[in-house]
Amino acid sequence: MSAAQPTEQPGTLRPAATPPVGAPGGSQDEVDRIVTAWQRERPDLQPMPLHVFSRVSRLARHLDLARRRAFTEHGVEAWEFDVLSALRRAGDPYELTPGRLIAETLVSSGTMTNRIDRMVAHGLVVRAGDATDRRVVKVRLTPDGKSRVDAAMSTLLDSERDLLAALTPAERNQLRDLLRRLLLPFDHA
């Protein structure tokens, strides 16, 4: 490398010469550059899915990082947040059976038992008997668990709002509706 050549930091995006067809306002992101390269190499391909799902994948990565920051800030692991939020959404007295928690979080029975044991040890939940059926055990949110899940949810929603800040309210609603339409077949499968 000669001294006149600029050095590039890893992960630095290089500007492209021209924006691809359909890029609004001439703006171009990394996915546009990837699609342009594929179109050059394989003009026979129809790249629309790549335009959509590569962006969804990249956005998911940013969302994952925002979630980790929100949870870490409030001393909650991601898996703990899933259980705590299921209990919080259940409403007062913030309790569910382990079976219902399994259905809400999509984990196995053994995994849920382990998670509940660890959360009991951390003081986030307690096991409680059902008043009407002594055979039934419920998992109940503790005041500390409720406080942590509420704080983590507030921080997470602030971060998620930041991720959507480039969109107008109407565009956010449109995106919400389009994503719902894409996901509905999976929810009913």
N, C-alpha and C. Protein backbone atom coordinates (compact mmCIF):
# COMPACT_ATOMS: atom_id res chain seq x y z
N MET A 1 0.85 -1.16 0.00
CA MET A 1 0.00 0.00 0.00
C MET A 1 0.90 1.23 0.00
N SER A 2 0.62 2.17 -0.87
CA SER A 2 1.41 3.40 -0.92
C SER A 2 0.91 4.37 0.12
N ALA A 3 1.74 5.35 0.46
CA ALA A 3 1.37 6.33 1.48
C ALA A 3 0.20 7.19 1.03
N ALA A 4 -0.03 7.32 -0.26
CA ALA A 4 -1.10 8.16 -0.78
C ALA A 4 -2.46 7.49 -0.68
N GLN A 5 -2.50 6.17 -0.50
CA GLN A 5 -3.77 5.47 -0.43
C GLN A 5 -4.33 5.56 0.99
N PRO A 6 -5.63 5.90 1.12
CA PRO A 6 -6.22 5.96 2.45
C PRO A 6 -6.38 4.56 3.01
N THR A 7 -6.24 4.45 4.31
CA THR A 7 -6.46 3.15 4.95
C THR A 7 -7.93 3.07 5.33
N GLU A 8 -8.46 1.86 5.26
CA GLU A 8 -9.85 1.64 5.57
C GLU A 8 -9.95 0.86 6.87
N GLN A 9 -10.82 1.30 7.75
CA GLN A 9 -11.08 0.58 8.99
C GLN A 9 -11.97 -0.62 8.67
N PRO A 10 -11.82 -1.73 9.38
CA PRO A 10 -12.71 -2.87 9.15
C PRO A 10 -14.15 -2.44 9.37
N GLY A 11 -15.03 -2.85 8.48
CA GLY A 11 -16.44 -2.53 8.61
C GLY A 11 -16.81 -1.18 8.04
N THR A 12 -15.83 -0.42 7.52
CA THR A 12 -16.11 0.88 6.94
C THR A 12 -16.83 0.67 5.62
N LEU A 13 -17.88 1.45 5.40
CA LEU A 13 -18.61 1.35 4.16
C LEU A 13 -18.01 2.29 3.14
N ARG A 14 -17.78 1.78 1.93
CA ARG A 14 -17.28 2.61 0.84
C ARG A 14 -18.44 3.14 0.05
N PRO A 15 -18.45 4.43 -0.32
CA PRO A 15 -19.55 4.95 -1.12
C PRO A 15 -19.55 4.33 -2.51
N ALA A 16 -20.74 4.05 -3.01
CA ALA A 16 -20.87 3.49 -4.35
C ALA A 16 -20.95 4.63 -5.35
N ALA A 17 -20.61 4.33 -6.58
CA ALA A 17 -20.58 5.36 -7.62
C ALA A 17 -21.98 5.90 -7.92
N THR A 18 -22.95 5.03 -8.08
CA THR A 18 -24.31 5.48 -8.40
C THR A 18 -25.30 4.69 -7.59
N PRO A 19 -26.39 5.34 -7.19
CA PRO A 19 -27.39 4.60 -6.43
C PRO A 19 -28.13 3.63 -7.33
N PRO A 20 -28.59 2.52 -6.76
CA PRO A 20 -29.32 1.56 -7.57
C PRO A 20 -30.70 2.11 -7.93
N VAL A 21 -31.31 1.49 -8.91
CA VAL A 21 -32.66 1.88 -9.28
C VAL A 21 -33.56 1.66 -8.08
N GLY A 22 -34.38 2.64 -7.79
CA GLY A 22 -35.34 2.51 -6.69
C GLY A 22 -34.85 3.00 -5.35
N ALA A 23 -33.59 3.38 -5.21
CA ALA A 23 -33.11 3.91 -3.93
C ALA A 23 -33.64 5.33 -3.79
N PRO A 24 -34.45 5.61 -2.75
CA PRO A 24 -35.06 6.93 -2.61
C PRO A 24 -34.01 8.01 -2.36
N GLY A 25 -34.16 9.10 -3.06
CA GLY A 25 -33.29 10.26 -2.83
C GLY A 25 -31.83 10.00 -3.12
N GLY A 26 -31.52 8.95 -3.86
CA GLY A 26 -30.13 8.67 -4.17
C GLY A 26 -29.38 8.05 -3.01
N SER A 27 -30.05 7.76 -1.89
CA SER A 27 -29.35 7.15 -0.76
C SER A 27 -29.17 5.66 -1.03
N GLN A 28 -28.07 5.14 -0.54
CA GLN A 28 -27.74 3.75 -0.78
C GLN A 28 -27.17 3.15 0.49
N ASP A 29 -27.59 1.95 0.81
CA ASP A 29 -27.04 1.28 1.98
C ASP A 29 -26.21 0.07 1.52
N GLU A 30 -25.69 -0.66 2.48
CA GLU A 30 -24.84 -1.81 2.17
C GLU A 30 -25.59 -2.87 1.38
N VAL A 31 -26.87 -3.05 1.67
CA VAL A 31 -27.65 -4.03 0.93
C VAL A 31 -27.75 -3.63 -0.54
N ASP A 32 -27.92 -2.35 -0.82
CA ASP A 32 -27.94 -1.90 -2.22
C ASP A 32 -26.64 -2.28 -2.92
N ARG A 33 -25.54 -2.10 -2.23
CA ARG A 33 -24.25 -2.44 -2.82
C ARG A 33 -24.13 -3.95 -3.08
N ILE A 34 -24.61 -4.74 -2.16
CA ILE A 34 -24.59 -6.20 -2.32
C ILE A 34 -25.47 -6.61 -3.51
N VAL A 35 -26.67 -6.06 -3.57
CA VAL A 35 -27.59 -6.40 -4.65
C VAL A 35 -27.01 -5.97 -6.00
N THR A 36 -26.42 -4.77 -6.04
CA THR A 36 -25.80 -4.30 -7.29
C THR A 36 -24.71 -5.26 -7.75
N ALA A 37 -23.91 -5.74 -6.83
CA ALA A 37 -22.86 -6.69 -7.19
C ALA A 37 -23.45 -8.00 -7.71
N TRP A 38 -24.51 -8.49 -7.08
CA TRP A 38 -25.16 -9.72 -7.56
C TRP A 38 -25.79 -9.50 -8.93
N GLN A 39 -26.39 -8.33 -9.12
CA GLN A 39 -27.00 -8.05 -10.43
C GLN A 39 -25.93 -8.00 -11.53
N ARG A 40 -24.77 -7.48 -11.19
CA ARG A 40 -23.67 -7.44 -12.15
C ARG A 40 -23.21 -8.86 -12.48
N GLU A 41 -23.09 -9.69 -11.46
CA GLU A 41 -22.58 -11.05 -11.64
C GLU A 41 -23.64 -12.03 -12.13
N ARG A 42 -24.88 -11.81 -11.71
CA ARG A 42 -25.97 -12.73 -12.09
C ARG A 42 -27.20 -11.93 -12.49
N PRO A 43 -27.18 -11.30 -13.67
CA PRO A 43 -28.31 -10.49 -14.11
C PRO A 43 -29.60 -11.29 -14.30
N ASP A 44 -29.50 -12.61 -14.30
CA ASP A 44 -30.68 -13.47 -14.46
C ASP A 44 -31.49 -13.59 -13.17
N LEU A 45 -30.93 -13.19 -12.05
CA LEU A 45 -31.64 -13.32 -10.77
C LEU A 45 -32.56 -12.12 -10.52
N GLN A 46 -33.64 -12.38 -9.82
CA GLN A 46 -34.56 -11.32 -9.39
C GLN A 46 -34.27 -11.07 -7.91
N PRO A 47 -33.62 -9.95 -7.56
CA PRO A 47 -33.09 -9.77 -6.21
C PRO A 47 -34.04 -9.17 -5.17
N MET A 48 -35.32 -9.00 -5.48
CA MET A 48 -36.20 -8.34 -4.51
C MET A 48 -36.17 -8.99 -3.12
N PRO A 49 -36.22 -10.33 -3.00
CA PRO A 49 -36.13 -10.90 -1.65
C PRO A 49 -34.86 -10.48 -0.91
N LEU A 50 -33.77 -10.36 -1.62
CA LEU A 50 -32.51 -9.93 -1.00
C LEU A 50 -32.63 -8.50 -0.48
N HIS A 51 -33.28 -7.63 -1.25
CA HIS A 51 -33.52 -6.25 -0.81
C HIS A 51 -34.27 -6.23 0.53
N VAL A 52 -35.28 -7.08 0.64
CA VAL A 52 -36.13 -7.07 1.83
C VAL A 52 -35.48 -7.81 3.00
N PHE A 53 -35.14 -9.08 2.79
CA PHE A 53 -34.73 -9.90 3.93
C PHE A 53 -33.32 -9.63 4.41
N SER A 54 -32.45 -9.14 3.57
CA SER A 54 -31.13 -8.73 4.07
C SER A 54 -31.28 -7.54 5.00
N ARG A 55 -32.19 -6.64 4.67
CA ARG A 55 -32.44 -5.49 5.55
C ARG A 55 -33.11 -5.93 6.85
N VAL A 56 -34.05 -6.85 6.75
CA VAL A 56 -34.70 -7.38 7.95
C VAL A 56 -33.65 -8.04 8.84
N SER A 57 -32.75 -8.81 8.24
CA SER A 57 -31.70 -9.49 9.00
C SER A 57 -30.77 -8.48 9.68
N ARG A 58 -30.39 -7.45 8.96
CA ARG A 58 -29.50 -6.43 9.54
C ARG A 58 -30.22 -5.66 10.64
N LEU A 59 -31.49 -5.35 10.43
CA LEU A 59 -32.26 -4.67 11.46
C LEU A 59 -32.41 -5.55 12.69
N ALA A 60 -32.59 -6.85 12.48
CA ALA A 60 -32.69 -7.78 13.60
C ALA A 60 -31.41 -7.77 14.44
N ARG A 61 -30.28 -7.64 13.78
CA ARG A 61 -29.00 -7.57 14.50
C ARG A 61 -28.95 -6.32 15.38
N HIS A 62 -29.37 -5.18 14.83
CA HIS A 62 -29.40 -3.94 15.61
C HIS A 62 -30.40 -4.06 16.77
N LEU A 63 -31.53 -4.70 16.53
CA LEU A 63 -32.52 -4.90 17.58
C LEU A 63 -31.96 -5.81 18.67
N ASP A 64 -31.26 -6.85 18.27
CA ASP A 64 -30.65 -7.77 19.24
C ASP A 64 -29.67 -7.02 20.14
N LEU A 65 -28.86 -6.16 19.55
CA LEU A 65 -27.90 -5.37 20.35
C LEU A 65 -28.63 -4.41 21.29
N ALA A 66 -29.71 -3.79 20.83
CA ALA A 66 -30.49 -2.88 21.68
C ALA A 66 -31.12 -3.65 22.84
N ARG A 67 -31.62 -4.85 22.55
CA ARG A 67 -32.22 -5.68 23.60
C ARG A 67 -31.17 -6.05 24.65
N ARG A 68 -30.00 -6.47 24.20
CA ARG A 68 -28.94 -6.85 25.15
C ARG A 68 -28.56 -5.68 26.05
N ARG A 69 -28.44 -4.48 25.46
CA ARG A 69 -28.09 -3.30 26.27
C ARG A 69 -29.18 -3.01 27.30
N ALA A 70 -30.44 -3.06 26.86
CA ALA A 70 -31.56 -2.78 27.77
C ALA A 70 -31.60 -3.79 28.91
N PHE A 71 -31.41 -5.05 28.60
CA PHE A 71 -31.48 -6.08 29.63
C PHE A 71 -30.29 -6.00 30.57
N THR A 72 -29.10 -5.81 30.02
CA THR A 72 -27.89 -5.72 30.84
C THR A 72 -27.99 -4.55 31.80
N GLU A 73 -28.49 -3.43 31.30
CA GLU A 73 -28.62 -2.23 32.14
C GLU A 73 -29.49 -2.49 33.37
N HIS A 74 -30.42 -3.42 33.26
CA HIS A 74 -31.33 -3.69 34.38
C HIS A 74 -31.10 -5.06 35.02
N GLY A 75 -29.93 -5.66 34.74
CA GLY A 75 -29.55 -6.90 35.40
C GLY A 75 -30.43 -8.09 35.06
N VAL A 76 -30.87 -8.16 33.80
CA VAL A 76 -31.76 -9.24 33.37
C VAL A 76 -31.16 -9.90 32.13
N GLU A 77 -31.14 -11.22 32.11
CA GLU A 77 -30.73 -11.96 30.92
C GLU A 77 -31.91 -11.97 29.93
N ALA A 78 -31.62 -12.19 28.67
CA ALA A 78 -32.67 -12.21 27.64
C ALA A 78 -33.73 -13.27 27.95
N TRP A 79 -33.28 -14.46 28.35
CA TRP A 79 -34.23 -15.51 28.65
C TRP A 79 -35.05 -15.17 29.90
N GLU A 80 -34.45 -14.47 30.86
CA GLU A 80 -35.20 -14.04 32.04
C GLU A 80 -36.26 -13.03 31.64
N PHE A 81 -35.89 -12.11 30.75
CA PHE A 81 -36.86 -11.12 30.29
C PHE A 81 -38.06 -11.79 29.65
N ASP A 82 -37.84 -12.84 28.86
CA ASP A 82 -38.95 -13.54 28.22
C ASP A 82 -39.93 -14.08 29.25
N VAL A 83 -39.42 -14.69 30.30
CA VAL A 83 -40.28 -15.25 31.35
C VAL A 83 -40.92 -14.13 32.15
N LEU A 84 -40.12 -13.14 32.57
CA LEU A 84 -40.66 -12.03 33.36
C LEU A 84 -41.74 -11.27 32.60
N SER A 85 -41.53 -11.04 31.32
CA SER A 85 -42.51 -10.29 30.55
C SER A 85 -43.80 -11.09 30.35
N ALA A 86 -43.68 -12.42 30.21
CA ALA A 86 -44.89 -13.25 30.12
C ALA A 86 -45.70 -13.15 31.41
N LEU A 87 -45.02 -13.18 32.55
CA LEU A 87 -45.70 -13.04 33.83
C LEU A 87 -46.30 -11.64 33.99
N ARG A 88 -45.57 -10.63 33.59
CA ARG A 88 -46.05 -9.24 33.71
C ARG A 88 -47.28 -9.00 32.85
N ARG A 89 -47.28 -9.55 31.63
CA ARG A 89 -48.42 -9.39 30.72
C ARG A 89 -49.65 -10.13 31.22
N ALA A 90 -49.45 -11.13 32.10
CA ALA A 90 -50.58 -11.90 32.62
C ALA A 90 -51.49 -11.06 33.51
N GLY A 91 -50.99 -9.94 34.01
CA GLY A 91 -51.79 -9.09 34.88
C GLY A 91 -51.74 -9.57 36.32
N ASP A 92 -52.20 -8.71 37.20
CA ASP A 92 -52.20 -8.98 38.63
C ASP A 92 -52.95 -10.28 38.91
N PRO A 93 -52.40 -11.25 39.61
CA PRO A 93 -51.24 -11.23 40.48
C PRO A 93 -49.93 -11.64 39.81
N TYR A 94 -49.84 -11.52 38.48
CA TYR A 94 -48.59 -11.77 37.73
C TYR A 94 -48.06 -13.18 37.96
N GLU A 95 -48.94 -14.14 37.66
CA GLU A 95 -48.55 -15.54 37.82
C GLU A 95 -49.11 -16.38 36.69
N LEU A 96 -48.37 -17.44 36.37
CA LEU A 96 -48.77 -18.40 35.36
C LEU A 96 -48.28 -19.78 35.79
N THR A 97 -48.87 -20.80 35.23
CA THR A 97 -48.37 -22.15 35.48
C THR A 97 -47.11 -22.35 34.64
N PRO A 98 -46.24 -23.26 35.04
CA PRO A 98 -45.07 -23.56 34.20
C PRO A 98 -45.47 -23.97 32.78
N GLY A 99 -46.56 -24.71 32.65
CA GLY A 99 -47.03 -25.12 31.32
C GLY A 99 -47.38 -23.92 30.45
N ARG A 100 -48.03 -22.94 31.05
CA ARG A 100 -48.38 -21.72 30.30
C ARG A 100 -47.12 -20.95 29.92
N LEU A 101 -46.14 -20.91 30.82
CA LEU A 101 -44.86 -20.24 30.52
C LEU A 101 -44.14 -20.94 29.38
N ILE A 102 -44.22 -22.27 29.35
CA ILE A 102 -43.61 -23.02 28.25
C ILE A 102 -44.25 -22.61 26.93
N ALA A 103 -45.58 -22.51 26.91
CA ALA A 103 -46.30 -22.12 25.69
C ALA A 103 -45.95 -20.68 25.29
N GLU A 104 -45.79 -19.80 26.27
CA GLU A 104 -45.50 -18.39 25.99
C GLU A 104 -44.08 -18.18 25.48
N THR A 105 -43.14 -18.99 25.96
CA THR A 105 -41.72 -18.76 25.63
C THR A 105 -41.14 -19.79 24.66
N LEU A 106 -41.93 -20.82 24.32
CA LEU A 106 -41.53 -21.82 23.33
C LEU A 106 -40.24 -22.55 23.69
N VAL A 107 -40.14 -22.97 24.96
CA VAL A 107 -39.00 -23.77 25.38
C VAL A 107 -39.51 -25.10 25.93
N SER A 108 -38.60 -26.04 26.12
CA SER A 108 -38.99 -27.36 26.63
C SER A 108 -39.29 -27.29 28.12
N SER A 109 -39.93 -28.34 28.60
CA SER A 109 -40.27 -28.44 30.02
C SER A 109 -39.02 -28.41 30.90
N GLY A 110 -38.00 -29.16 30.50
CA GLY A 110 -36.75 -29.20 31.28
C GLY A 110 -36.07 -27.84 31.32
N THR A 111 -36.08 -27.15 30.17
CA THR A 111 -35.48 -25.81 30.12
C THR A 111 -36.24 -24.86 31.03
N MET A 112 -37.58 -24.93 31.00
CA MET A 112 -38.37 -24.03 31.83
C MET A 112 -38.13 -24.32 33.31
N THR A 113 -38.06 -25.58 33.69
CA THR A 113 -37.80 -25.92 35.09
C THR A 113 -36.47 -25.31 35.54
N ASN A 114 -35.45 -25.44 34.71
CA ASN A 114 -34.14 -24.88 35.02
C ASN A 114 -34.22 -23.35 35.13
N ARG A 115 -34.93 -22.73 34.23
CA ARG A 115 -35.05 -21.27 34.26
C ARG A 115 -35.79 -20.80 35.51
N ILE A 116 -36.86 -21.47 35.83
CA ILE A 116 -37.61 -21.09 37.03
C ILE A 116 -36.73 -21.25 38.27
N ASP A 117 -36.00 -22.36 38.37
CA ASP A 117 -35.10 -22.58 39.51
C ASP A 117 -34.10 -21.43 39.63
N ARG A 118 -33.51 -21.04 38.51
CA ARG A 118 -32.50 -19.97 38.54
C ARG A 118 -33.13 -18.62 38.89
N MET A 119 -34.33 -18.38 38.40
CA MET A 119 -34.99 -17.10 38.69
C MET A 119 -35.47 -17.04 40.14
N VAL A 120 -35.87 -18.18 40.69
CA VAL A 120 -36.20 -18.23 42.12
C VAL A 120 -34.96 -17.89 42.93
N ALA A 121 -33.83 -18.47 42.57
CA ALA A 121 -32.56 -18.21 43.26
C ALA A 121 -32.16 -16.74 43.17
N HIS A 122 -32.52 -16.07 42.06
CA HIS A 122 -32.20 -14.64 41.88
C HIS A 122 -33.24 -13.72 42.49
N GLY A 123 -34.30 -14.30 43.05
CA GLY A 123 -35.34 -13.50 43.70
C GLY A 123 -36.28 -12.80 42.73
N LEU A 124 -36.35 -13.27 41.49
CA LEU A 124 -37.21 -12.63 40.48
C LEU A 124 -38.61 -13.22 40.45
N VAL A 125 -38.73 -14.49 40.82
CA VAL A 125 -40.03 -15.17 40.86
C VAL A 125 -40.07 -16.07 42.09
N VAL A 126 -41.28 -16.48 42.44
CA VAL A 126 -41.48 -17.50 43.47
C VAL A 126 -42.46 -18.53 42.93
N ARG A 127 -42.37 -19.73 43.48
CA ARG A 127 -43.36 -20.75 43.18
C ARG A 127 -44.45 -20.62 44.24
N ALA A 128 -45.69 -20.70 43.77
CA ALA A 128 -46.82 -20.57 44.70
C ALA A 128 -47.86 -21.63 44.37
N GLY A 129 -48.49 -22.17 45.40
CA GLY A 129 -49.56 -23.15 45.19
C GLY A 129 -50.83 -22.45 44.75
N ASP A 130 -51.65 -23.18 44.01
CA ASP A 130 -52.94 -22.65 43.58
C ASP A 130 -53.93 -22.79 44.73
N ALA A 131 -54.69 -21.75 45.00
CA ALA A 131 -55.62 -21.76 46.13
C ALA A 131 -56.76 -22.75 45.93
N THR A 132 -57.11 -23.04 44.68
CA THR A 132 -58.24 -23.94 44.42
C THR A 132 -57.83 -25.38 44.11
N ASP A 133 -56.58 -25.59 43.73
CA ASP A 133 -56.12 -26.94 43.39
C ASP A 133 -54.68 -27.10 43.86
N ARG A 134 -54.49 -27.87 44.93
CA ARG A 134 -53.17 -27.99 45.54
C ARG A 134 -52.16 -28.70 44.63
N ARG A 135 -52.64 -29.40 43.60
CA ARG A 135 -51.73 -30.07 42.67
C ARG A 135 -51.07 -29.09 41.70
N VAL A 136 -51.63 -27.92 41.57
CA VAL A 136 -51.15 -26.93 40.59
C VAL A 136 -50.16 -25.99 41.26
N VAL A 137 -49.03 -25.80 40.61
CA VAL A 137 -48.03 -24.83 41.07
C VAL A 137 -48.01 -23.69 40.07
N LYS A 138 -47.93 -22.49 40.59
CA LYS A 138 -47.83 -21.31 39.72
C LYS A 138 -46.52 -20.60 39.99
N VAL A 139 -46.06 -19.90 38.98
CA VAL A 139 -44.86 -19.09 39.10
C VAL A 139 -45.34 -17.64 39.17
N ARG A 140 -44.90 -16.95 40.22
CA ARG A 140 -45.37 -15.58 40.45
C ARG A 140 -44.19 -14.61 40.44
N LEU A 141 -44.40 -13.48 39.83
CA LEU A 141 -43.43 -12.40 39.76
C LEU A 141 -43.24 -11.79 41.15
N THR A 142 -42.00 -11.58 41.56
CA THR A 142 -41.73 -10.87 42.82
C THR A 142 -41.72 -9.37 42.54
N PRO A 143 -41.78 -8.55 43.58
CA PRO A 143 -41.66 -7.10 43.35
C PRO A 143 -40.37 -6.72 42.63
N ASP A 144 -39.26 -7.39 42.95
CA ASP A 144 -38.00 -7.10 42.25
C ASP A 144 -38.09 -7.52 40.79
N GLY A 145 -38.68 -8.67 40.51
CA GLY A 145 -38.85 -9.11 39.13
C GLY A 145 -39.72 -8.15 38.34
N LYS A 146 -40.79 -7.68 38.97
CA LYS A 146 -41.69 -6.72 38.31
C LYS A 146 -40.97 -5.41 38.03
N SER A 147 -40.22 -4.95 38.99
CA SER A 147 -39.47 -3.70 38.82
C SER A 147 -38.45 -3.81 37.69
N ARG A 148 -37.74 -4.92 37.64
CA ARG A 148 -36.72 -5.10 36.59
C ARG A 148 -37.32 -5.23 35.21
N VAL A 149 -38.40 -6.01 35.08
CA VAL A 149 -39.00 -6.18 33.76
C VAL A 149 -39.61 -4.87 33.28
N ASP A 150 -40.21 -4.11 34.18
CA ASP A 150 -40.78 -2.81 33.79
C ASP A 150 -39.69 -1.85 33.32
N ALA A 151 -38.59 -1.79 34.04
CA ALA A 151 -37.50 -0.90 33.68
C ALA A 151 -36.85 -1.33 32.36
N ALA A 152 -36.62 -2.63 32.20
CA ALA A 152 -36.01 -3.13 30.97
C ALA A 152 -36.92 -2.88 29.78
N MET A 153 -38.23 -3.04 29.96
CA MET A 153 -39.17 -2.80 28.87
C MET A 153 -39.17 -1.33 28.47
N SER A 154 -39.12 -0.44 29.43
CA SER A 154 -39.08 1.00 29.11
C SER A 154 -37.82 1.35 28.33
N THR A 155 -36.68 0.85 28.78
CA THR A 155 -35.42 1.11 28.08
C THR A 155 -35.43 0.51 26.69
N LEU A 156 -35.96 -0.71 26.56
CA LEU A 156 -36.03 -1.37 25.26
C LEU A 156 -36.90 -0.57 24.29
N LEU A 157 -38.07 -0.12 24.75
CA LEU A 157 -38.95 0.64 23.86
C LEU A 157 -38.33 1.96 23.43
N ASP A 158 -37.57 2.59 24.31
CA ASP A 158 -36.84 3.81 23.92
C ASP A 158 -35.85 3.49 22.80
N SER A 159 -35.11 2.40 22.94
CA SER A 159 -34.14 2.00 21.92
C SER A 159 -34.84 1.65 20.61
N GLU A 160 -35.96 0.95 20.69
CA GLU A 160 -36.69 0.57 19.49
C GLU A 160 -37.28 1.79 18.79
N ARG A 161 -37.74 2.78 19.57
CA ARG A 161 -38.21 4.03 18.97
C ARG A 161 -37.10 4.70 18.19
N ASP A 162 -35.89 4.66 18.74
CA ASP A 162 -34.74 5.23 18.03
C ASP A 162 -34.50 4.52 16.70
N LEU A 163 -34.67 3.19 16.69
CA LEU A 163 -34.49 2.44 15.45
C LEU A 163 -35.52 2.82 14.39
N LEU A 164 -36.69 3.27 14.82
CA LEU A 164 -37.76 3.65 13.89
C LEU A 164 -37.81 5.14 13.60
N ALA A 165 -36.90 5.90 14.16
CA ALA A 165 -36.96 7.37 14.09
C ALA A 165 -36.92 7.93 12.68
N ALA A 166 -36.34 7.22 11.74
CA ALA A 166 -36.25 7.73 10.37
C ALA A 166 -37.59 7.65 9.63
N LEU A 167 -38.55 6.95 10.19
CA LEU A 167 -39.85 6.78 9.55
C LEU A 167 -40.88 7.74 10.14
N THR A 168 -41.81 8.18 9.30
CA THR A 168 -42.92 8.98 9.79
C THR A 168 -43.90 8.07 10.52
N PRO A 169 -44.81 8.62 11.32
CA PRO A 169 -45.81 7.76 11.96
C PRO A 169 -46.61 6.92 10.96
N ALA A 170 -46.95 7.50 9.82
CA ALA A 170 -47.69 6.74 8.81
C ALA A 170 -46.84 5.60 8.25
N GLU A 171 -45.55 5.84 8.04
CA GLU A 171 -44.66 4.79 7.54
C GLU A 171 -44.47 3.69 8.58
N ARG A 172 -44.42 4.06 9.85
CA ARG A 172 -44.30 3.04 10.91
C ARG A 172 -45.54 2.14 10.91
N ASN A 173 -46.72 2.77 10.78
CA ASN A 173 -47.96 1.98 10.73
C ASN A 173 -47.99 1.08 9.51
N GLN A 174 -47.54 1.59 8.38
CA GLN A 174 -47.50 0.79 7.16
C GLN A 174 -46.53 -0.38 7.31
N LEU A 175 -45.36 -0.12 7.88
CA LEU A 175 -44.38 -1.19 8.11
C LEU A 175 -44.95 -2.24 9.06
N ARG A 176 -45.58 -1.79 10.14
CA ARG A 176 -46.22 -2.71 11.10
C ARG A 176 -47.20 -3.63 10.38
N ASP A 177 -48.06 -3.03 9.54
CA ASP A 177 -49.09 -3.81 8.86
C ASP A 177 -48.51 -4.77 7.83
N LEU A 178 -47.49 -4.34 7.11
CA LEU A 178 -46.86 -5.22 6.12
C LEU A 178 -46.14 -6.38 6.80
N LEU A 179 -45.44 -6.10 7.88
CA LEU A 179 -44.75 -7.19 8.61
C LEU A 179 -45.76 -8.17 9.20
N ARG A 180 -46.88 -7.65 9.70
CA ARG A 180 -47.92 -8.54 10.23
C ARG A 180 -48.41 -9.47 9.13
N ARG A 181 -48.64 -8.93 7.95
CA ARG A 181 -49.13 -9.74 6.83
C ARG A 181 -48.12 -10.83 6.47
N LEU A 182 -46.83 -10.51 6.52
CA LEU A 182 -45.81 -11.52 6.23
C LEU A 182 -45.76 -12.61 7.30
N LEU A 183 -45.97 -12.24 8.55
CA LEU A 183 -45.80 -13.19 9.65
C LEU A 183 -47.05 -14.02 9.96
N LEU A 184 -48.22 -13.55 9.59
CA LEU A 184 -49.46 -14.26 9.93
C LEU A 184 -49.46 -15.73 9.51
N PRO A 185 -49.00 -16.06 8.30
CA PRO A 185 -49.01 -17.50 7.93
C PRO A 185 -48.18 -18.36 8.88
N PHE A 186 -47.11 -17.82 9.45
CA PHE A 186 -46.30 -18.59 10.38
C PHE A 186 -46.98 -18.75 11.72
N ASP A 187 -47.76 -17.76 12.13
CA ASP A 187 -48.48 -17.84 13.40
C ASP A 187 -49.63 -18.85 13.35
N HIS A 188 -50.12 -19.11 12.16
CA HIS A 188 -51.26 -20.02 12.02
C HIS A 188 -50.83 -21.38 11.46
N ALA A 189 -49.54 -21.62 11.41
CA ALA A 189 -49.05 -22.89 10.85
C ALA A 189 -49.09 -23.99 11.88
